[in-house]
C-alpha atoms as a PDB file:
ATOM      1  CA  UNK A   1     115.082 100.961  93.603  1.00  0.00           C
ATOM      2  CA  UNK A   2     116.501 104.100  95.073  1.00  0.00           C
ATOM      3  CA  UNK A   3     115.083 107.194  93.416  1.00  0.00           C
ATOM      4  CA  UNK A   4     117.842 109.251  92.234  1.00  0.00           C
ATOM      5  CA  UNK A   5     117.955 112.073  94.563  1.00  0.00           C
ATOM      6  CA  UNK A   6     118.708 109.369  96.693  1.00  0.00           C
ATOM      7  CA  UNK A   7     121.930 108.055  94.564  1.00  0.00           C
ATOM      8  CA  UNK A   8     122.680 111.773  94.123  1.00  0.00           C
ATOM      9  CA  UNK A   9     122.664 112.269  97.962  1.00  0.00           C
ATOM     10  CA  UNK A  10     124.860 109.377  98.382  1.00  0.00           C
ATOM     11  CA  UNK A  11     127.444 110.850  95.438  1.00  0.00           C
ATOM     12  CA  UNK A  12     127.045 114.645  97.476  1.00  0.00           C
ATOM     13  CA  UNK A  13     127.659 113.479 101.699  1.00  0.00           C
ATOM     14  CA  UNK A  14     130.368 110.501 100.272  1.00  0.00           C
ATOM     15  CA  UNK A  15     132.011 113.726  98.781  1.00  0.00           C
ATOM     16  CA  UNK A  16     131.661 116.141 101.176  1.00  0.00           C
ATOM     17  CA  UNK A  17     132.769 113.845 104.082  1.00  0.00           C
ATOM     18  CA  UNK A  18     135.402 113.188 102.396  1.00  0.00           C
ATOM     19  CA  UNK A  19     136.460 117.130 102.140  1.00  0.00           C
ATOM     20  CA  UNK A  20     135.907 117.344 105.572  1.00  0.00           C
ATOM     21  CA  UNK A  21     138.444 114.529 106.181  1.00  0.00           C
ATOM     22  CA  UNK A  22     140.969 115.909 104.413  1.00  0.00           C
ATOM     23  CA  UNK A  23     140.623 119.543 106.228  1.00  0.00           C
ATOM     24  CA  UNK A  24     139.909 118.122 109.991  1.00  0.00           C
ATOM     25  CA  UNK A  25     143.321 115.951 109.650  1.00  0.00           C
ATOM     26  CA  UNK A  26     145.154 118.967 107.482  1.00  0.00           C
ATOM     27  CA  UNK A  27     144.336 121.289 110.887  1.00  0.00           C
ATOM     28  CA  UNK A  28     145.923 118.324 112.703  1.00  0.00           C
ATOM     29  CA  UNK A  29     148.247 117.652 111.344  1.00  0.00           C
ATOM     30  CA  UNK A  30     149.730 121.904 110.382  1.00  0.00           C
ATOM     31  CA  UNK A  31     147.670 123.628 113.371  1.00  0.00           C
ATOM     32  CA  UNK A  32     148.960 124.609 116.852  1.00  0.00           C
ATOM     33  CA  UNK A  33     145.504 124.320 117.733  1.00  0.00           C
ATOM     34  CA  UNK A  34     143.912 121.324 117.357  1.00  0.00           C
ATOM     35  CA  UNK A  35     140.381 122.204 118.542  1.00  0.00           C
ATOM     36  CA  UNK A  36     139.808 124.036 114.711  1.00  0.00           C
ATOM     37  CA  UNK A  37     139.330 120.400 113.988  1.00  0.00           C
ATOM     38  CA  UNK A  38     136.191 120.494 115.511  1.00  0.00           C
ATOM     39  CA  UNK A  39     134.383 122.537 113.295  1.00  0.00           C
ATOM     40  CA  UNK A  40     134.887 120.640 109.993  1.00  0.00           C
ATOM     41  CA  UNK A  41     134.083 116.908 111.686  1.00  0.00           C
ATOM     42  CA  UNK A  42     130.667 118.607 112.899  1.00  0.00           C
ATOM     43  CA  UNK A  43     130.273 119.834 109.758  1.00  0.00           C
ATOM     44  CA  UNK A  44     130.924 116.743 107.555  1.00  0.00           C
ATOM     45  CA  UNK A  45     128.748 114.879 109.481  1.00  0.00           C
ATOM     46  CA  UNK A  46     125.714 117.713 109.737  1.00  0.00           C
ATOM     47  CA  UNK A  47     125.214 118.746 106.442  1.00  0.00           C
ATOM     48  CA  UNK A  48     124.489 115.625 104.874  1.00  0.00           C
ATOM     49  CA  UNK A  49     121.978 115.239 107.133  1.00  0.00           C
ATOM     50  CA  UNK A  50     120.171 118.136 107.155  1.00  0.00           C
ATOM     51  CA  UNK A  51     120.645 117.950 103.123  1.00  0.00           C
ATOM     52  CA  UNK A  52     118.861 114.365 103.365  1.00  0.00           C
ATOM     53  CA  UNK A  53     116.021 115.345 105.764  1.00  0.00           C
ATOM     54  CA  UNK A  54     115.226 118.585 103.450  1.00  0.00           C
ATOM     55  CA  UNK A  55     115.683 115.489 100.157  1.00  0.00           C
ATOM     56  CA  UNK A  56     113.429 113.111 102.147  1.00  0.00           C
ATOM     57  CA  UNK A  57     110.929 116.166 102.729  1.00  0.00           C
ATOM     58  CA  UNK A  58     110.887 117.457  99.791  1.00  0.00           C
ATOM     59  CA  UNK A  59     110.128 114.145  98.049  1.00  0.00           C
ATOM     60  CA  UNK A  60     108.299 112.058  99.960  1.00  0.00           C
ATOM     61  CA  UNK A  61     105.282 110.332  98.663  1.00  0.00           C
ATOM     62  CA  UNK A  62     102.647 112.543  98.306  1.00  0.00           C
ATOM     63  CA  UNK A  63      99.519 110.991  99.139  1.00  0.00           C
ATOM     64  CA  UNK A  64      97.140 110.481  95.769  1.00  0.00           C
ATOM     65  CA  UNK A  65      93.299 110.762  96.666  1.00  0.00           C
ATOM     66  CA  UNK A  66      90.985 108.018  95.769  1.00  0.00           C
ATOM     67  CA  UNK A  67      90.137 107.228  93.100  1.00  0.00           C
ATOM     68  CA  UNK A  68      86.463 107.689  91.536  1.00  0.00           C
ATOM     69  CA  UNK A  69      83.591 105.067  92.642  1.00  0.00           C
ATOM     70  CA  UNK A  70      82.534 103.430  89.774  1.00  0.00           C
ATOM     71  CA  UNK A  71      79.301 104.055  88.603  1.00  0.00           C
END
């Protein structure tokens, strides 16, 4: 079962990629300078990856101390 942060990250990533794609297509459709479209493409890929890595580091399983030895 996926953790809550993974489900929320997936939702965030999908929304982020859709918005970046819309920005890219609008730049390509209405702008004379097509090279400006690379910025939202790179941000559309990099931001979800960086966010996932940060969340994974934040919520990674901590190593718990060993249980006490019974006497």
